[in-house]
Each structure stands twice: as structure tokens, then as C-alpha cells.
Amino acid sequence: MLARFTFVLALVATVAPARAADPLPLRYAQTASTWRSIFSLPMRVADKLGFFAKNDIAFTMVPIEEGAEASLVALREGNADVAHVATSFLVTAAMRGADTVAIAAEFNNPVYSLVAKPWYKSIAELKGRRIGMADMTGSVSLATLALFEKHGVKKEDLNIRVIEGTSARFQCLVNDDCEAVPLGQPQDFYAQRQGFRLLGATSEAVPEFLYTVTAARRGWAEQHQETLVRYVRAMRDSFKFIRDPENHGRLVLLMKDWWGSSEDSAFATLDLFFKPERHVLPMEGEISMEGLERVIGFMRDGGVIAGAAPSLDQLVDTRYLKIGLGR
């Protein structure tokens, strides 16, 4: 009897680990400038607070030093499995024949602040001035140009200098190489504390849209369904944590550690997103098809799309969300 009992214990010890979920590797590409901004918050929270580990994901950050479209190159060349991608770049990649699809939303309606030298009191005064802008086919620049248009300033009225990354544009402003720039958080708060003037925000001129997504090559995604399902669940946990006001004190400490944010700037960023609710963050990573359609319309209005645009089915694969979120 003892021998039989010992055999059963040995069998359980052998089988039990195999039944537990093995961590699945996931390489996530994001530009280094984005990793240093608020737009890395959901990913950093999921990594730092163990939501990836809880969902058995072995997460690795793949920093991209080049511009935003380089994340798509990392996917195409197999140097990353998934990537942070602005939807405008997802659309242009599809127009070139890429098989890259969005599998979850990261940010919806971003608030980019147009910050200028302190002597400028209106956007109209920036005509003919040097403006630091992001990639001109990207959502940040299209939204900023819409803000200029709202105030009677056309693209051809500006002396535009393309500068990738909020941090780099902030330095352009500080170094007197730019008269005004669009900034994300927390750099827009830094700039205002240093005496630069806030002239407006992109949210004034742009309707709700889908800003950034987690994207993957369709073929890779189909072969790694379980990895993406676990990823979606980890991101759901991250969004839930960020949205809970009881966690904002801890988030502020993390933001101070990650970006050197002051406590005031960190709280102001969270207030900007959630008081009132601006739908900057998705609830669970869900993809707004209406928001994506607005991006396509926005690109058409801005002259980025001249002919037929990709269909939504070409741009999005929601199966991993549906399984991961139980829908």
C-alpha cells in the first residue's frame, strides 16, 4: 500500500507542473521616445505590477530608436512580435500591402498641447514661425494641423520642422529652435511650469478617434493565439488598475520614478484623462471601429489618402479580444 501511495505522489508531482501554464514569450516594440512618455503607461503598469506575469506572459520590451514607422519594420523583419503603432501608420502600411493588424487598443483620444514661447498669446500669431511637428502623416501632426486650421492658420502658413518624439520637441522649444510644438504628457506640464504658454489642445479640434493600438502580423497572430489572449487579459488588468482612483496615488509614485514627473504633473495628467472622462484610455483594450473610421476620414481630409482606403477587416482582427475578454 505504501509503495502504491508513493507511486501516486510521484505521478502527481510529474503531471502537475505540465498542467500549469508555461510563460509564453512576447517581444513588444515601442519607440524609445514613447517609452519615456505617458503613452507607455498601460504597458509599464502591466509589466511593473505583475499583470503580464499573472497571465503567464514573459514580456520583453524592444526599444526602437528610429521614428514611429520603425515599429512596423520590426514586426515585418521578425524583431518583435507585437508593437505600439499609431493607427495612421497602420493604415498607410496596409495601403502598401502589409499584413499588420490591430489586436487591441492602447489609447483613444490623446490630448496633445500646443505649447509656445511665452510672448505668443494666440495661435494666429504663429503664422510664419518655426513649428516642431511629428511625422506629417501621423495622427499627432494631423490633429495639430486641424487645431491650426480652426484658428485660421493653414499648413502652408507655417515653417515646419519634423521632430519625432515629445521629448525631442520639448528640447527644441527649450533650445530656441522652435517657436511652438505639440507636446504630450508630462512634458506639456513641465513646459508650462518653465513659463512657456499653452495655446490650445488637439482635443479642441479633433473628434473622438482611435489613436494607438497593439499590432501584430496577421500570420504570426494566428500561430500565437494563446499568447495574444493572455496579453489581452494582462492589458485589461492594467487598464482597470489605471482607471481606479484608489490607485492614483501609487501611479503618481511610479510616474515620478519612470519619467521624473513632479507629483503635481502626475496628478494633473490623471485628472486630464479622467476628470471629466475623456475616453483617452479604453476600458479593456476594446477597439472602436467608429474611432478607426474617423482616423481614415481624418487622413483623407489631410491629403494622406487619395484613393481607396483599406477596409476595417484589413486593419483589425478582434478574435483575440473576444476570447480574452470573454465576449
Protein backbone atom coordinates (compact mmCIF):
# COMPACT_ATOMS: atom_id res chain seq x y z
CA MET A 1 0.00 0.00 0.00
CA LEU A 2 2.81 2.42 0.92
CA ALA A 3 4.57 1.70 -2.35
CA ARG A 4 1.36 2.39 -4.28
CA PHE A 5 0.81 5.68 -2.40
CA THR A 6 4.41 6.70 -3.13
CA PHE A 7 3.87 5.95 -6.81
CA VAL A 8 0.71 8.14 -6.93
CA LEU A 9 2.55 11.04 -5.27
CA ALA A 10 5.37 10.73 -7.79
CA LEU A 11 2.87 10.71 -10.65
CA VAL A 12 1.15 13.86 -9.35
CA ALA A 13 4.50 15.61 -8.95
CA THR A 14 5.32 14.73 -12.55
CA VAL A 15 1.98 15.75 -14.07
CA ALA A 16 1.11 18.89 -12.03
CA PRO A 17 3.76 21.23 -13.46
CA ALA A 18 2.77 20.27 -17.02
CA ARG A 19 -0.81 21.34 -16.29
CA ALA A 20 0.26 24.80 -15.16
CA ALA A 21 0.51 27.48 -17.83
CA ASP A 22 4.03 27.96 -19.09
CA PRO A 23 5.07 31.61 -19.57
CA LEU A 24 4.88 32.50 -23.24
CA PRO A 25 7.49 34.97 -24.58
CA LEU A 26 6.28 38.22 -26.07
CA ARG A 27 8.55 40.88 -27.57
CA TYR A 28 6.87 44.29 -27.62
CA ALA A 29 8.29 47.11 -29.76
CA GLN A 30 7.82 50.76 -28.91
CA THR A 31 9.86 53.82 -29.82
CA ALA A 32 12.21 54.94 -27.07
CA SER A 33 10.62 58.40 -27.03
CA THR A 34 7.16 56.89 -26.48
CA TRP A 35 8.52 54.65 -23.70
CA ARG A 36 9.54 57.87 -21.93
CA SER A 37 6.04 59.35 -22.20
CA ILE A 38 2.53 58.77 -20.87
CA PHE A 39 1.81 56.59 -23.90
CA SER A 40 3.78 53.74 -22.33
CA LEU A 41 1.71 53.82 -19.11
CA PRO A 42 -0.51 50.75 -19.70
CA MET A 43 2.45 48.63 -20.75
CA ARG A 44 4.68 49.78 -17.89
CA VAL A 45 1.93 49.13 -15.35
CA ALA A 46 1.27 45.64 -16.73
CA ASP A 47 4.98 44.84 -16.52
CA LYS A 48 5.83 46.53 -13.20
CA LEU A 49 2.77 45.36 -11.26
CA GLY A 50 2.94 41.78 -12.49
CA PHE A 51 -0.11 41.63 -14.75
CA PHE A 52 1.96 40.05 -17.53
CA ALA A 53 3.42 37.52 -15.06
CA LYS A 54 -0.03 36.79 -13.62
CA ASN A 55 -1.24 35.93 -17.12
CA ASP A 56 1.88 33.87 -17.85
CA ILE A 57 3.46 36.25 -20.34
CA ALA A 58 7.25 36.61 -20.39
CA PHE A 59 7.30 40.24 -21.53
CA THR A 60 10.31 41.86 -23.21
CA MET A 61 10.44 45.50 -24.28
CA VAL A 62 12.13 46.07 -27.67
CA PRO A 63 13.18 49.74 -27.85
CA ILE A 64 13.01 51.40 -31.26
CA GLU A 65 15.36 54.34 -31.68
CA GLU A 66 14.13 55.42 -35.11
CA GLY A 67 10.79 57.04 -36.00
CA ALA A 68 7.32 55.68 -35.37
CA GLU A 69 7.11 53.61 -38.57
CA ALA A 70 10.21 51.67 -37.48
CA SER A 71 8.00 49.64 -35.14
CA LEU A 72 6.23 48.27 -38.21
CA VAL A 73 9.61 47.39 -39.70
CA ALA A 74 10.47 45.48 -36.50
CA LEU A 75 7.30 43.44 -36.96
CA ARG A 76 7.95 42.80 -40.65
CA GLU A 77 11.53 41.69 -40.05
CA GLY A 78 10.64 39.49 -37.09
CA ASN A 79 12.49 41.53 -34.49
CA ALA A 80 9.33 41.98 -32.44
CA ASP A 81 6.09 40.05 -32.03
CA VAL A 82 3.75 42.95 -31.33
CA ALA A 83 4.21 46.71 -31.44
CA HIS A 84 2.76 50.02 -30.33
CA VAL A 85 1.53 51.58 -33.59
CA ALA A 86 -0.36 54.78 -34.37
CA THR A 87 -3.44 53.92 -36.41
CA SER A 88 -2.50 56.33 -39.19
CA PHE A 89 0.71 54.33 -39.75
CA LEU A 90 -1.28 51.09 -39.59
CA VAL A 91 -3.48 52.42 -42.41
CA THR A 92 -0.58 53.56 -44.61
CA ALA A 93 1.19 50.22 -44.07
CA ALA A 94 -1.94 48.36 -45.21
CA MET A 95 -2.07 50.56 -48.31
CA ARG A 96 1.46 49.33 -49.10
CA GLY A 97 0.36 45.70 -48.73
CA ALA A 98 1.43 44.94 -45.15
CA ASP A 99 -0.46 42.19 -43.31
CA THR A 100 -0.27 44.03 -39.98
CA VAL A 101 -3.48 44.19 -37.92
CA ALA A 102 -4.59 45.82 -34.69
CA ILE A 103 -5.37 43.29 -31.96
CA ALA A 104 -6.11 45.70 -29.08
CA ALA A 105 -6.46 49.43 -28.46
CA GLU A 106 -3.93 51.27 -26.30
CA PHE A 107 -5.01 54.93 -26.46
CA ASN A 108 -8.05 56.63 -27.89
CA ASN A 109 -8.35 60.40 -27.85
CA PRO A 110 -4.92 61.78 -26.91
CA VAL A 111 -4.59 65.32 -25.63
CA TYR A 112 -1.60 66.99 -27.26
CA SER A 113 -0.94 70.53 -26.06
CA LEU A 114 0.27 73.23 -28.43
CA VAL A 115 2.90 74.99 -26.30
CA ALA A 116 4.68 78.14 -27.45
CA LYS A 117 7.21 80.73 -26.37
CA PRO A 118 5.67 82.92 -23.66
CA TRP A 119 5.31 86.04 -25.84
CA TYR A 120 2.82 84.35 -28.19
CA LYS A 121 -0.74 84.91 -27.00
CA SER A 122 -2.68 83.24 -29.79
CA ILE A 123 -2.29 80.51 -32.39
CA ALA A 124 -2.79 83.10 -35.16
CA GLU A 125 0.45 84.77 -34.10
CA LEU A 126 2.38 81.64 -35.12
CA LYS A 127 2.00 82.29 -38.86
CA GLY A 128 5.41 82.08 -40.49
CA ARG A 129 7.06 80.76 -37.33
CA ARG A 130 9.09 77.58 -36.95
CA ILE A 131 6.89 74.83 -35.52
CA GLY A 132 8.24 71.47 -34.40
CA MET A 133 5.92 68.71 -35.60
CA ALA A 134 5.84 64.92 -35.56
CA ASP A 135 5.78 62.83 -38.75
CA MET A 136 3.47 64.73 -41.08
CA THR A 137 1.45 61.62 -42.00
CA GLY A 138 0.86 60.71 -38.35
CA SER A 139 -2.11 61.43 -36.12
CA VAL A 140 -0.24 63.93 -33.90
CA SER A 141 0.59 66.24 -36.80
CA LEU A 142 -2.79 65.82 -38.50
CA ALA A 143 -4.53 66.71 -35.24
CA THR A 144 -2.21 69.68 -34.64
CA LEU A 145 -2.80 70.98 -38.15
CA ALA A 146 -6.55 70.70 -37.53
CA LEU A 147 -6.07 72.86 -34.44
CA PHE A 148 -4.16 75.45 -36.50
CA GLU A 149 -6.89 75.38 -39.18
CA LYS A 150 -9.53 76.01 -36.53
CA HIS A 151 -7.69 79.23 -35.68
CA GLY A 152 -7.27 80.33 -39.29
CA VAL A 153 -3.69 79.12 -39.81
CA LYS A 154 -3.02 76.80 -42.74
CA LYS A 155 -0.18 74.31 -43.16
CA GLU A 156 1.48 76.48 -45.79
CA ASP A 157 1.49 79.38 -43.31
CA LEU A 158 3.92 77.50 -41.06
CA ASN A 159 7.66 76.85 -41.15
CA ILE A 160 7.50 73.20 -40.15
CA ARG A 161 10.39 71.19 -38.75
CA VAL A 162 9.72 67.46 -38.32
CA ILE A 163 10.91 66.20 -34.93
CA GLU A 164 9.98 62.73 -33.73
CA GLY A 165 9.04 62.32 -30.07
CA THR A 166 7.54 64.58 -27.43
CA SER A 167 10.83 64.78 -25.51
CA ALA A 168 12.76 65.91 -28.60
CA ARG A 169 10.13 68.53 -29.45
CA PHE A 170 10.27 69.81 -25.88
CA GLN A 171 14.03 70.24 -26.22
CA CYS A 172 13.54 72.08 -29.50
CA LEU A 173 11.33 74.55 -27.65
CA VAL A 174 13.78 74.92 -24.75
CA ASN A 175 16.76 75.35 -27.08
CA ASP A 176 15.04 78.17 -29.02
CA ASP A 177 14.99 76.10 -32.21
CA CYS A 178 11.18 76.02 -32.27
CA GLU A 179 8.62 78.71 -31.53
CA ALA A 180 5.88 76.21 -30.70
CA VAL A 181 5.43 72.43 -30.55
CA PRO A 182 2.74 69.85 -29.76
CA LEU A 183 3.57 68.06 -26.50
CA GLY A 184 2.12 65.08 -24.72
CA GLN A 185 2.21 64.44 -21.00
CA PRO A 186 4.08 65.09 -18.78
CA GLN A 187 6.25 67.35 -20.95
CA ASP A 188 3.42 69.83 -21.55
CA PHE A 189 3.17 70.40 -17.79
CA TYR A 190 6.97 70.78 -17.50
CA ALA A 191 6.89 73.41 -20.24
CA GLN A 192 4.14 75.43 -18.62
CA ARG A 193 5.96 75.41 -15.27
CA GLN A 194 9.01 76.82 -17.06
CA GLY A 195 6.99 79.73 -18.39
CA PHE A 196 6.01 78.54 -21.86
CA ARG A 197 2.45 79.31 -22.93
CA LEU A 198 -0.35 76.80 -23.60
CA LEU A 199 -2.22 77.98 -26.70
CA GLY A 200 -4.59 75.08 -27.25
CA ALA A 201 -5.07 71.33 -27.34
CA THR A 202 -5.74 68.92 -30.19
CA SER A 203 -8.89 67.68 -28.41
CA GLU A 204 -10.49 71.05 -29.27
CA ALA A 205 -10.28 70.35 -33.00
CA VAL A 206 -10.46 66.59 -33.41
CA PRO A 207 -13.46 64.31 -32.78
CA GLU A 208 -13.02 61.08 -30.85
CA PHE A 209 -10.76 58.65 -32.70
CA LEU A 210 -8.58 55.57 -32.23
CA TYR A 211 -5.03 56.82 -31.68
CA THR A 212 -2.70 53.87 -30.97
CA VAL A 213 -3.06 50.10 -30.98
CA THR A 214 -1.09 46.97 -30.29
CA ALA A 215 -0.43 45.50 -33.72
CA ALA A 216 0.92 42.18 -34.99
CA ARG A 217 1.44 40.47 -38.31
CA ARG A 218 -1.70 38.52 -39.11
CA GLY A 219 0.18 35.30 -39.83
CA TRP A 220 2.16 35.48 -36.57
CA ALA A 221 -1.01 36.25 -34.60
CA GLU A 222 -2.87 33.25 -36.00
CA GLN A 223 0.00 30.98 -34.96
CA HIS A 224 0.22 32.50 -31.45
CA GLN A 225 -3.39 32.86 -30.41
CA GLU A 226 -2.82 31.81 -26.80
CA THR A 227 -0.05 34.40 -26.39
CA LEU A 228 -2.30 37.20 -27.59
CA VAL A 229 -5.25 36.03 -25.48
CA ARG A 230 -3.04 36.16 -22.38
CA TYR A 231 -1.70 39.56 -23.48
CA VAL A 232 -5.22 40.96 -23.85
CA ARG A 233 -6.11 39.79 -20.35
CA ALA A 234 -2.99 41.39 -18.88
CA MET A 235 -3.82 44.67 -20.59
CA ARG A 236 -7.38 44.50 -19.29
CA ASP A 237 -5.95 44.24 -15.77
CA SER A 238 -3.66 47.20 -16.44
CA PHE A 239 -6.44 49.46 -17.74
CA LYS A 240 -8.62 48.53 -14.78
CA PHE A 241 -5.82 49.40 -12.34
CA ILE A 242 -5.10 52.77 -14.01
CA ARG A 243 -8.77 53.75 -14.04
CA ASP A 244 -9.33 53.05 -10.33
CA PRO A 245 -8.99 56.37 -8.42
CA GLU A 246 -7.79 54.47 -5.36
CA ASN A 247 -4.66 53.51 -7.30
CA HIS A 248 -3.76 57.01 -8.48
CA GLY A 249 -1.50 57.72 -5.52
CA ARG A 250 0.59 54.68 -6.40
CA LEU A 251 0.53 55.60 -10.08
CA VAL A 252 1.91 59.04 -9.23
CA LEU A 253 4.86 57.46 -7.45
CA LEU A 254 5.52 55.23 -10.46
CA MET A 255 5.28 58.17 -12.87
CA LYS A 256 7.77 60.11 -10.77
CA ASP A 257 10.13 57.13 -10.93
CA TRP A 258 9.72 56.44 -14.65
CA TRP A 259 9.69 59.97 -16.06
CA GLY A 260 10.81 62.23 -13.24
CA SER A 261 7.31 63.72 -13.12
CA SER A 262 6.55 66.07 -10.28
CA GLU A 263 3.66 64.99 -8.08
CA ASP A 264 1.60 67.91 -9.41
CA SER A 265 2.26 66.97 -13.05
CA ALA A 266 1.45 63.31 -12.46
CA PHE A 267 -1.85 64.09 -10.75
CA ALA A 268 -2.64 66.70 -13.41
CA THR A 269 -2.10 64.09 -16.14
CA LEU A 270 -4.50 61.66 -14.49
CA ASP A 271 -7.02 64.45 -13.96
CA LEU A 272 -6.68 65.42 -17.61
CA PHE A 273 -7.65 61.90 -18.64
CA PHE A 274 -10.35 61.13 -16.12
CA LYS A 275 -11.83 64.40 -14.75
CA PRO A 276 -14.02 64.55 -16.69
CA GLU A 277 -13.78 61.23 -18.50
CA ARG A 278 -12.32 61.94 -21.93
CA HIS A 279 -12.14 58.31 -23.08
CA VAL A 280 -8.39 58.62 -23.56
CA LEU A 281 -7.90 55.04 -22.34
CA PRO A 282 -10.08 52.14 -23.46
CA MET A 283 -11.92 50.27 -20.74
CA GLU A 284 -10.38 46.87 -21.53
CA GLY A 285 -8.43 47.29 -24.77
CA GLU A 286 -11.55 47.23 -26.94
CA ILE A 287 -11.16 48.65 -30.45
CA SER A 288 -13.52 51.40 -31.55
CA MET A 289 -14.35 50.80 -35.20
CA GLU A 290 -16.02 54.21 -35.33
CA GLY A 291 -12.81 55.74 -34.00
CA LEU A 292 -10.79 53.96 -36.67
CA GLU A 293 -13.15 55.15 -39.40
CA ARG A 294 -12.64 58.70 -38.13
CA VAL A 295 -8.87 58.27 -38.47
CA ILE A 296 -9.31 57.19 -42.09
CA GLY A 297 -11.58 60.18 -42.74
CA PHE A 298 -9.10 62.44 -40.97
CA MET A 299 -6.27 61.13 -43.18
CA ARG A 300 -8.38 61.64 -46.29
CA ASP A 301 -9.16 65.23 -45.28
CA GLY A 302 -5.46 65.82 -44.64
CA GLY A 303 -4.50 64.54 -48.09
CA VAL A 304 -2.69 61.42 -46.81
CA ILE A 305 -5.22 59.12 -48.52
CA ALA A 306 -6.07 59.99 -52.09
CA GLY A 307 -7.62 56.76 -53.39
CA ALA A 308 -9.34 53.77 -51.84
CA ALA A 309 -8.68 53.21 -48.14
CA PRO A 310 -8.18 49.75 -46.60
CA SER A 311 -11.28 48.07 -45.19
CA LEU A 312 -11.67 47.72 -41.43
CA ASP A 313 -11.29 43.94 -41.83
CA GLN A 314 -7.86 44.54 -43.34
CA LEU A 315 -6.83 46.62 -40.34
CA VAL A 316 -8.30 44.80 -37.34
CA ASP A 317 -8.54 41.25 -36.00
CA THR A 318 -10.77 41.17 -32.93
CA ARG A 319 -10.76 37.41 -32.26
CA TYR A 320 -8.11 37.66 -29.52
CA LEU A 321 -10.07 40.37 -27.72
CA LYS A 322 -13.26 38.34 -27.94
CA ILE A 323 -11.63 35.26 -26.47
CA GLY A 324 -9.55 37.12 -23.90
CA LEU A 325 -12.41 39.29 -22.66
CA GLY A 326 -15.00 36.51 -22.88
CA ARG A 327 -17.15 38.17 -25.50
